[in-house]
Amino acid sequence: MDIIKNSESQNQPNDGEFDSTIMNFLMRRINVKEIKIGDGTFTQGVSDLKIIQYNFDGFPGYGFNSYQNKSYWTRQILELLEETVLIPENWHGNPRVKESERQKIIKTVRKFIKNILIK
């Protein structure tokens, strides 16, 4: 009886499996701004609130901040990509879009989010 081990490298996506057109589009347009809320004094052990705001140049309705979850970020980015026709409209339910293309789009968006969080 042969036992086949499932290696971790097979489960993780390859770095080459993302769409460079979408990634470049997003990276060129992202603006990151840090907003501090508070008067700068540390009263009763409470520090100022710091919010990081992410916006896209030319697309005022598509932004998010550091207090929203990554699922919301992903939805906002996918809606932006649908509006700019970089991905087909209703791509998640379109039978003409191959499953590998859907996966590639999602991997690209997740890689983009990971890149902007590192900076």
C-alpha atoms as a PDB file:
ATOM      1  CA  MET A   1       0.000   0.000   0.000  1.00  0.00           C
ATOM      2  CA  ASP A   2       1.463   3.316  -1.092  1.00  0.00           C
ATOM      3  CA  ILE A   3       0.824   6.427   0.944  1.00  0.00           C
ATOM      4  CA  ILE A   4       1.126   9.675  -0.928  1.00  0.00           C
ATOM      5  CA  LYS A   5       2.006  12.718   1.147  1.00  0.00           C
ATOM      6  CA  ASN A   6       0.416  15.977   0.202  1.00  0.00           C
ATOM      7  CA  SER A   7       3.178  18.572   0.276  1.00  0.00           C
ATOM      8  CA  GLU A   8       2.475  22.128   1.390  1.00  0.00           C
ATOM      9  CA  SER A   9       4.053  23.537  -1.746  1.00  0.00           C
ATOM     10  CA  GLN A  10       1.314  21.958  -3.866  1.00  0.00           C
ATOM     11  CA  ASN A  11      -1.407  23.646  -1.807  1.00  0.00           C
ATOM     12  CA  GLN A  12       0.057  27.127  -1.949  1.00  0.00           C
ATOM     13  CA  PRO A  13      -0.437  29.277  -5.040  1.00  0.00           C
ATOM     14  CA  ASN A  14       2.495  29.927  -7.306  1.00  0.00           C
ATOM     15  CA  ASP A  15       3.610  33.580  -7.466  1.00  0.00           C
ATOM     16  CA  GLY A  16       3.281  33.429 -11.251  1.00  0.00           C
ATOM     17  CA  GLU A  17      -0.444  32.753 -10.996  1.00  0.00           C
ATOM     18  CA  PHE A  18      -1.627  36.349 -10.824  1.00  0.00           C
ATOM     19  CA  ASP A  19      -2.694  38.852 -13.439  1.00  0.00           C
ATOM     20  CA  SER A  20      -0.001  41.508 -13.838  1.00  0.00           C
ATOM     21  CA  THR A  21      -2.370  43.845 -15.728  1.00  0.00           C
ATOM     22  CA  ILE A  22      -4.774  44.011 -12.799  1.00  0.00           C
ATOM     23  CA  MET A  23      -1.938  44.250 -10.268  1.00  0.00           C
ATOM     24  CA  ASN A  24      -0.287  47.155 -12.123  1.00  0.00           C
ATOM     25  CA  PHE A  25      -3.636  48.945 -12.498  1.00  0.00           C
ATOM     26  CA  LEU A  26      -4.260  48.745  -8.753  1.00  0.00           C
ATOM     27  CA  MET A  27      -0.706  49.610  -7.665  1.00  0.00           C
ATOM     28  CA  ARG A  28      -0.613  52.736  -9.858  1.00  0.00           C
ATOM     29  CA  ARG A  29      -3.854  54.112  -8.439  1.00  0.00           C
ATOM     30  CA  ILE A  30      -3.696  53.344  -4.716  1.00  0.00           C
ATOM     31  CA  ASN A  31      -3.278  56.252  -2.289  1.00  0.00           C
ATOM     32  CA  VAL A  32      -2.538  55.551   1.351  1.00  0.00           C
ATOM     33  CA  LYS A  33      -3.219  58.248   3.930  1.00  0.00           C
ATOM     34  CA  GLU A  34      -2.846  58.043   7.681  1.00  0.00           C
ATOM     35  CA  ILE A  35      -5.397  59.941   9.743  1.00  0.00           C
ATOM     36  CA  LYS A  36      -4.917  60.564  13.467  1.00  0.00           C
ATOM     37  CA  ILE A  37      -7.951  61.311  15.571  1.00  0.00           C
ATOM     38  CA  GLY A  38      -7.234  62.998  18.870  1.00  0.00           C
ATOM     39  CA  ASP A  39      -5.589  66.083  20.246  1.00  0.00           C
ATOM     40  CA  GLY A  40      -2.171  64.522  20.821  1.00  0.00           C
ATOM     41  CA  THR A  41      -2.502  64.223  24.576  1.00  0.00           C
ATOM     42  CA  PHE A  42      -2.510  60.883  26.282  1.00  0.00           C
ATOM     43  CA  THR A  43      -5.317  61.300  28.775  1.00  0.00           C
ATOM     44  CA  GLN A  44      -5.973  58.477  31.199  1.00  0.00           C
ATOM     45  CA  GLY A  45      -3.773  56.035  29.265  1.00  0.00           C
ATOM     46  CA  VAL A  46      -5.761  56.379  26.032  1.00  0.00           C
ATOM     47  CA  SER A  47      -3.733  57.139  22.922  1.00  0.00           C
ATOM     48  CA  ASP A  48      -4.833  58.786  19.711  1.00  0.00           C
ATOM     49  CA  LEU A  49      -6.780  56.711  17.207  1.00  0.00           C
ATOM     50  CA  LYS A  50      -4.904  56.070  13.977  1.00  0.00           C
ATOM     51  CA  ILE A  51      -6.829  55.146  10.835  1.00  0.00           C
ATOM     52  CA  ILE A  52      -5.169  54.250   7.547  1.00  0.00           C
ATOM     53  CA  GLN A  53      -7.335  55.261   4.582  1.00  0.00           C
ATOM     54  CA  TYR A  54      -6.880  53.564   1.179  1.00  0.00           C
ATOM     55  CA  ASN A  55      -8.323  55.316  -1.908  1.00  0.00           C
ATOM     56  CA  PHE A  56      -7.974  54.896  -5.650  1.00  0.00           C
ATOM     57  CA  ASP A  57      -7.147  57.866  -7.931  1.00  0.00           C
ATOM     58  CA  GLY A  58     -10.063  58.640 -10.214  1.00  0.00           C
ATOM     59  CA  PHE A  59     -12.479  56.332  -8.377  1.00  0.00           C
ATOM     60  CA  PRO A  60     -13.810  58.231  -5.344  1.00  0.00           C
ATOM     61  CA  GLY A  61     -16.430  55.668  -4.327  1.00  0.00           C
ATOM     62  CA  TYR A  62     -13.995  52.785  -4.005  1.00  0.00           C
ATOM     63  CA  GLY A  63     -11.993  53.110  -0.845  1.00  0.00           C
ATOM     64  CA  PHE A  64     -11.583  51.372   2.461  1.00  0.00           C
ATOM     65  CA  ASN A  65      -9.825  51.853   5.774  1.00  0.00           C
ATOM     66  CA  SER A  66      -7.875  49.843   8.298  1.00  0.00           C
ATOM     67  CA  TYR A  67     -10.943  49.227  10.479  1.00  0.00           C
ATOM     68  CA  GLN A  68     -12.836  47.334   7.797  1.00  0.00           C
ATOM     69  CA  ASN A  69     -12.208  43.640   7.222  1.00  0.00           C
ATOM     70  CA  LYS A  70     -10.345  42.154   4.267  1.00  0.00           C
ATOM     71  CA  SER A  71     -13.527  40.653   2.809  1.00  0.00           C
ATOM     72  CA  TYR A  72     -14.935  44.160   2.436  1.00  0.00           C
ATOM     73  CA  TRP A  73     -11.647  45.296   0.852  1.00  0.00           C
ATOM     74  CA  THR A  74     -11.817  42.421  -1.630  1.00  0.00           C
ATOM     75  CA  ARG A  75     -15.429  43.215  -2.574  1.00  0.00           C
ATOM     76  CA  GLN A  76     -14.599  46.899  -3.096  1.00  0.00           C
ATOM     77  CA  ILE A  77     -11.641  46.069  -5.336  1.00  0.00           C
ATOM     78  CA  LEU A  78     -13.633  43.536  -7.375  1.00  0.00           C
ATOM     79  CA  GLU A  79     -16.428  46.081  -7.896  1.00  0.00           C
ATOM     80  CA  LEU A  80     -13.819  48.614  -9.040  1.00  0.00           C
ATOM     81  CA  LEU A  81     -12.362  46.113 -11.495  1.00  0.00           C
ATOM     82  CA  GLU A  82     -15.845  45.317 -12.847  1.00  0.00           C
ATOM     83  CA  GLU A  83     -16.531  49.022 -13.390  1.00  0.00           C
ATOM     84  CA  THR A  84     -13.254  49.522 -15.259  1.00  0.00           C
ATOM     85  CA  VAL A  85     -13.976  46.454 -17.426  1.00  0.00           C
ATOM     86  CA  LEU A  86     -10.691  44.797 -16.458  1.00  0.00           C
ATOM     87  CA  ILE A  87     -12.777  41.800 -15.468  1.00  0.00           C
ATOM     88  CA  PRO A  88     -16.085  40.902 -17.142  1.00  0.00           C
ATOM     89  CA  GLU A  89     -19.271  42.168 -15.532  1.00  0.00           C
ATOM     90  CA  ASN A  90     -20.859  39.586 -13.268  1.00  0.00           C
ATOM     91  CA  TRP A  91     -17.668  37.523 -13.635  1.00  0.00           C
ATOM     92  CA  HIS A  92     -18.407  35.321 -10.624  1.00  0.00           C
ATOM     93  CA  GLY A  93     -21.589  33.968 -12.206  1.00  0.00           C
ATOM     94  CA  ASN A  94     -20.613  34.144 -15.857  1.00  0.00           C
ATOM     95  CA  PRO A  95     -20.323  30.612 -17.303  1.00  0.00           C
ATOM     96  CA  ARG A  96     -17.954  31.874 -20.009  1.00  0.00           C
ATOM     97  CA  VAL A  97     -15.299  32.753 -17.438  1.00  0.00           C
ATOM     98  CA  LYS A  98     -13.159  29.710 -16.718  1.00  0.00           C
ATOM     99  CA  GLU A  99     -12.632  28.624 -13.128  1.00  0.00           C
ATOM    100  CA  SER A 100      -8.887  29.178 -13.462  1.00  0.00           C
ATOM    101  CA  GLU A 101      -9.551  32.794 -14.499  1.00  0.00           C
ATOM    102  CA  ARG A 102     -11.705  33.357 -11.409  1.00  0.00           C
ATOM    103  CA  GLN A 103      -8.984  31.948  -9.206  1.00  0.00           C
ATOM    104  CA  LYS A 104      -6.384  34.118 -10.910  1.00  0.00           C
ATOM    105  CA  ILE A 105      -8.448  37.272 -10.269  1.00  0.00           C
ATOM    106  CA  ILE A 106      -8.979  36.440  -6.599  1.00  0.00           C
ATOM    107  CA  LYS A 107      -5.288  35.569  -6.114  1.00  0.00           C
ATOM    108  CA  THR A 108      -4.304  38.873  -7.712  1.00  0.00           C
ATOM    109  CA  VAL A 109      -6.581  40.884  -5.425  1.00  0.00           C
ATOM    110  CA  ARG A 110      -5.352  39.048  -2.324  1.00  0.00           C
ATOM    111  CA  LYS A 111      -1.728  39.554  -3.350  1.00  0.00           C
ATOM    112  CA  PHE A 112      -2.432  43.268  -3.869  1.00  0.00           C
ATOM    113  CA  ILE A 113      -3.951  43.550  -0.383  1.00  0.00           C
ATOM    114  CA  LYS A 114      -0.972  41.757   1.105  1.00  0.00           C
ATOM    115  CA  ASN A 115       1.405  44.138  -0.710  1.00  0.00           C
ATOM    116  CA  ILE A 116      -0.291  47.301   0.527  1.00  0.00           C
ATOM    117  CA  LEU A 117      -0.403  46.027   4.107  1.00  0.00           C
ATOM    118  CA  ILE A 118       3.366  45.464   4.113  1.00  0.00           C
ATOM    119  CA  LYS A 119       4.118  49.068   3.153  1.00  0.00           C
END
